[in-house]
Amino acid sequence: MYRRPLVTALVALLVVGLFAPPVVAASGADDEGATLTAPVGFESPEIDRYRSVVLSSGLSRADTEGILEQRTRKAVYAAIRESPGADLATLADAVGVTKSTVRYHVDLLRDAGLVEAAEAGGALRFAPAEMNADLAAATSAEPTDAVLEAVAEAEPASVRDVAAVTGRAQSTVSHHLSTLAERGLVERERTGEAVVTRLTDETRAVVADAPIPADD
């Protein structure tokens, strides 16, 4: 006596299963392999801004092969190779995208080991991993580049010598020289009552726009 209602219920469930819309699981911000598809009319750089919300911040959980296949990322890397020591604003102008887009792609390039960063002139600057990022940053930032040029002109140069050439206060020059010495770009030694500064061979080659001597 209960067979007919049971059959009716099973048929109803089958119909619902056939015609109900599929349920799509939401992907969280930490899901691996989460992607965004560009809506019609959206350019790749615009989508990159939103993709950064979905993807994880690094590549530790992702396959780094083909990292340069993405068009905007490839252009950012090319701009870094073209102008080692460039900051985010310079790269954004070169590629024609926003600074936030450049920052996103640079972070991925750094995680992949293709790009290094160093601070100079109040900004973070970038260089290909095979280059000395500190040196690229220092020679690209106006304040530190001017100090290095002054040292090259008067070396062994005292703080007073560099201050006279650059027109900067001795305290400012001393700060820059100390930072450059910490990064291994200049060598400082005391001679009598003065501390004099010399460029390292690598720094001198770059400041003189000459090829960096190869290691023996």
Protein backbone atom coordinates (compact mmCIF):
# COMPACT_ATOMS: atom_id res chain seq x y z
CA MET A 1 0.00 0.00 0.00
CA TYR A 2 2.99 2.28 0.51
CA ARG A 3 4.61 1.36 -2.81
CA ARG A 4 2.83 3.99 -4.94
CA PRO A 5 3.74 7.01 -2.71
CA LEU A 6 7.34 5.75 -2.53
CA VAL A 7 7.62 5.47 -6.33
CA THR A 8 6.13 8.94 -6.72
CA ALA A 9 8.70 10.41 -4.29
CA LEU A 10 11.61 8.74 -6.11
CA VAL A 11 10.40 10.07 -9.47
CA ALA A 12 10.11 13.58 -8.00
CA LEU A 13 13.68 13.44 -6.64
CA LEU A 14 14.96 12.25 -10.02
CA VAL A 15 13.28 15.14 -11.80
CA VAL A 16 14.72 17.67 -9.34
CA GLY A 17 18.20 16.19 -9.79
CA LEU A 18 18.00 16.42 -13.57
CA PHE A 19 16.79 20.00 -13.83
CA ALA A 20 18.19 21.75 -10.75
CA PRO A 21 21.11 24.16 -11.54
CA PRO A 22 24.57 22.90 -10.49
CA VAL A 23 26.02 24.23 -7.26
CA VAL A 24 29.46 25.83 -7.67
CA ALA A 25 31.74 25.78 -4.67
CA ALA A 26 33.20 29.17 -3.79
CA SER A 27 36.96 29.45 -3.94
CA GLY A 28 38.63 31.16 -1.02
CA ALA A 29 41.57 33.54 -1.22
CA ASP A 30 43.93 30.78 -0.20
CA ASP A 31 42.78 28.16 -2.76
CA GLU A 32 45.62 26.95 -4.94
CA GLY A 33 45.15 27.46 -8.65
CA ALA A 34 42.29 29.96 -8.26
CA THR A 35 41.92 31.98 -11.45
CA LEU A 36 39.95 34.88 -12.84
CA THR A 37 38.69 35.01 -16.39
CA ALA A 38 38.70 38.40 -18.05
CA PRO A 39 35.22 39.73 -18.84
CA VAL A 40 34.71 41.02 -22.34
CA GLY A 41 36.36 44.44 -22.74
CA PHE A 42 38.82 44.07 -19.84
CA GLU A 43 42.51 44.38 -20.56
CA SER A 44 45.00 42.00 -18.98
CA PRO A 45 46.57 44.59 -16.61
CA GLU A 46 43.12 45.49 -15.27
CA ILE A 47 42.39 41.84 -14.48
CA ASP A 48 45.81 41.52 -12.83
CA ARG A 49 44.64 43.93 -10.11
CA TYR A 50 41.79 41.64 -9.19
CA ARG A 51 43.76 38.42 -9.62
CA SER A 52 46.03 39.52 -6.76
CA VAL A 53 43.05 39.28 -4.42
CA VAL A 54 42.48 35.66 -5.39
CA LEU A 55 45.98 34.26 -5.65
CA SER A 56 48.24 33.69 -2.70
CA SER A 57 50.97 36.28 -2.11
CA GLY A 58 53.86 33.98 -3.06
CA LEU A 59 54.85 31.16 -5.34
CA SER A 60 55.93 28.74 -2.65
CA ARG A 61 52.86 26.60 -3.39
CA ALA A 62 52.72 27.18 -7.11
CA ASP A 63 54.62 25.94 -10.12
CA THR A 64 57.05 28.67 -11.17
CA GLU A 65 57.58 27.25 -14.65
CA GLY A 66 56.31 29.63 -17.30
CA ILE A 67 56.42 32.60 -14.92
CA LEU A 68 57.25 34.92 -17.83
CA GLU A 69 54.49 33.69 -20.12
CA GLN A 70 52.05 36.23 -18.68
CA ARG A 71 52.21 39.34 -20.90
CA THR A 72 52.31 42.09 -18.28
CA ARG A 73 54.77 40.20 -16.06
CA LYS A 74 57.08 39.66 -19.03
CA ALA A 75 56.96 43.39 -19.81
CA VAL A 76 57.76 44.29 -16.18
CA TYR A 77 60.74 41.93 -16.17
CA ALA A 78 61.97 43.36 -19.48
CA ALA A 79 61.73 46.88 -18.05
CA ILE A 80 63.76 45.84 -15.00
CA ARG A 81 66.45 44.36 -17.24
CA GLU A 82 66.42 47.50 -19.36
CA SER A 83 66.72 49.84 -16.35
CA PRO A 84 68.25 48.03 -13.35
CA GLY A 85 67.57 49.98 -10.18
CA ALA A 86 64.22 51.35 -11.36
CA ASP A 87 61.52 51.93 -8.75
CA LEU A 88 57.83 51.05 -8.97
CA ALA A 89 56.80 54.41 -10.44
CA THR A 90 59.43 54.20 -13.19
CA LEU A 91 58.43 50.65 -14.06
CA ALA A 92 54.74 51.57 -14.11
CA ASP A 93 55.44 54.38 -16.59
CA ALA A 94 57.58 52.09 -18.76
CA VAL A 95 54.98 49.31 -18.93
CA GLY A 96 51.89 51.53 -18.93
CA VAL A 97 50.15 50.01 -15.92
CA THR A 98 49.46 51.06 -12.34
CA LYS A 99 52.03 50.85 -9.54
CA SER A 100 49.86 48.29 -7.75
CA THR A 101 49.94 46.07 -10.84
CA VAL A 102 53.73 46.38 -11.07
CA ARG A 103 54.06 45.60 -7.36
CA TYR A 104 52.01 42.43 -7.78
CA HIS A 105 54.12 41.16 -10.69
CA VAL A 106 57.42 42.18 -9.07
CA ASP A 107 56.47 40.20 -5.96
CA LEU A 108 55.93 37.12 -8.11
CA LEU A 109 59.22 37.68 -9.93
CA ARG A 110 61.03 38.01 -6.60
CA ASP A 111 59.42 34.84 -5.26
CA ALA A 112 60.52 33.05 -8.43
CA GLY A 113 64.12 34.20 -7.86
CA LEU A 114 64.27 36.32 -11.03
CA VAL A 115 64.42 39.75 -9.38
CA GLU A 116 66.10 41.23 -6.29
CA ALA A 117 65.24 44.46 -4.47
CA ALA A 118 67.16 47.10 -2.53
CA GLU A 119 66.23 50.45 -0.99
CA ALA A 120 67.85 53.69 -2.12
CA GLY A 121 66.71 57.28 -2.29
CA GLY A 122 63.65 56.53 -0.18
CA ALA A 123 62.26 53.94 -2.61
CA LEU A 124 62.49 50.21 -3.17
CA ARG A 125 64.32 49.50 -6.43
CA PHE A 126 64.66 46.34 -8.48
CA ALA A 127 67.29 44.54 -10.53
CA PRO A 128 67.66 41.16 -12.22
CA ALA A 129 68.78 38.50 -9.75
CA GLU A 130 72.17 38.07 -11.42
CA MET A 131 73.05 41.73 -10.75
CA ASN A 132 74.07 43.47 -7.53
CA ALA A 133 70.74 44.97 -6.50
CA ASP A 134 72.33 47.29 -3.92
CA LEU A 135 74.68 48.73 -6.53
CA ALA A 136 71.93 49.07 -9.14
CA ALA A 137 69.73 50.87 -6.61
CA ALA A 138 72.50 53.19 -5.40
CA THR A 139 73.51 54.27 -8.90
CA SER A 140 69.87 54.83 -9.90
CA ALA A 141 68.89 57.01 -6.93
CA GLU A 142 70.02 60.62 -7.36
CA PRO A 143 71.34 61.24 -3.80
CA THR A 144 73.51 58.12 -3.56
CA ASP A 145 74.58 58.28 -7.20
CA ALA A 146 75.80 61.84 -6.67
CA VAL A 147 77.78 60.74 -3.61
CA LEU A 148 79.37 57.85 -5.53
CA GLU A 149 80.28 60.17 -8.40
CA ALA A 150 81.88 62.60 -5.93
CA VAL A 151 83.90 59.82 -4.32
CA ALA A 152 85.08 58.70 -7.76
CA GLU A 153 86.16 62.25 -8.54
CA ALA A 154 88.16 62.81 -5.34
CA GLU A 155 89.05 59.37 -3.97
CA PRO A 156 90.34 58.75 -1.47
CA ALA A 157 87.67 61.26 -0.53
CA SER A 158 86.88 62.69 2.88
CA VAL A 159 83.37 63.60 3.98
CA ARG A 160 84.33 67.25 3.47
CA ASP A 161 85.48 66.53 -0.10
CA VAL A 162 82.23 64.78 -0.99
CA ALA A 163 80.14 67.48 0.66
CA ALA A 164 81.96 70.16 -1.35
CA VAL A 165 81.41 68.35 -4.66
CA THR A 166 77.75 67.49 -4.05
CA GLY A 167 76.73 70.67 -2.22
CA ARG A 168 75.20 68.60 0.56
CA ALA A 169 75.64 68.87 4.31
CA GLN A 170 78.46 66.81 5.78
CA SER A 171 76.01 65.00 8.06
CA THR A 172 73.95 63.93 5.04
CA VAL A 173 77.06 62.81 3.17
CA SER A 174 78.31 60.89 6.19
CA HIS A 175 74.98 59.06 6.45
CA HIS A 176 75.04 58.06 2.78
CA LEU A 177 78.66 56.92 2.96
CA SER A 178 77.98 54.80 6.04
CA THR A 179 75.03 53.12 4.31
CA LEU A 180 77.06 52.51 1.15
CA ALA A 181 79.86 51.01 3.22
CA GLU A 182 77.42 48.69 5.03
CA ARG A 183 76.28 47.41 1.64
CA GLY A 184 79.84 46.81 0.48
CA LEU A 185 79.80 49.44 -2.25
CA VAL A 186 82.57 51.63 -0.81
CA GLU A 187 85.52 51.08 1.52
CA ARG A 188 86.30 53.49 4.36
CA GLU A 189 89.43 53.85 6.43
CA ARG A 190 90.84 56.36 8.87
CA THR A 191 93.81 58.39 7.71
CA GLY A 192 95.05 60.64 10.48
CA GLU A 193 92.05 62.52 11.80
CA ALA A 194 89.94 62.00 8.71
CA VAL A 195 87.98 59.04 7.42
CA VAL A 196 88.45 58.63 3.69
CA THR A 197 86.36 56.65 1.24
CA ARG A 198 87.22 54.65 -1.86
CA LEU A 199 84.96 52.85 -4.31
CA THR A 200 85.16 49.09 -4.56
CA ASP A 201 86.31 47.75 -7.93
CA GLU A 202 82.77 46.69 -8.82
CA THR A 203 81.31 50.07 -7.90
CA ARG A 204 84.06 51.94 -9.73
CA ALA A 205 83.42 49.95 -12.90
CA VAL A 206 79.72 50.80 -12.82
CA VAL A 207 80.23 54.47 -11.91
CA ALA A 208 82.80 54.78 -14.72
CA ASP A 209 80.34 52.99 -17.05
CA ALA A 210 82.92 50.33 -17.74
CA PRO A 211 82.50 46.55 -17.84
CA ILE A 212 82.67 44.93 -14.41
CA PRO A 213 85.85 42.83 -14.21
CA ALA A 214 85.19 39.10 -14.25
CA ASP A 215 86.10 37.01 -11.22
CA ASP A 216 89.28 34.96 -11.64
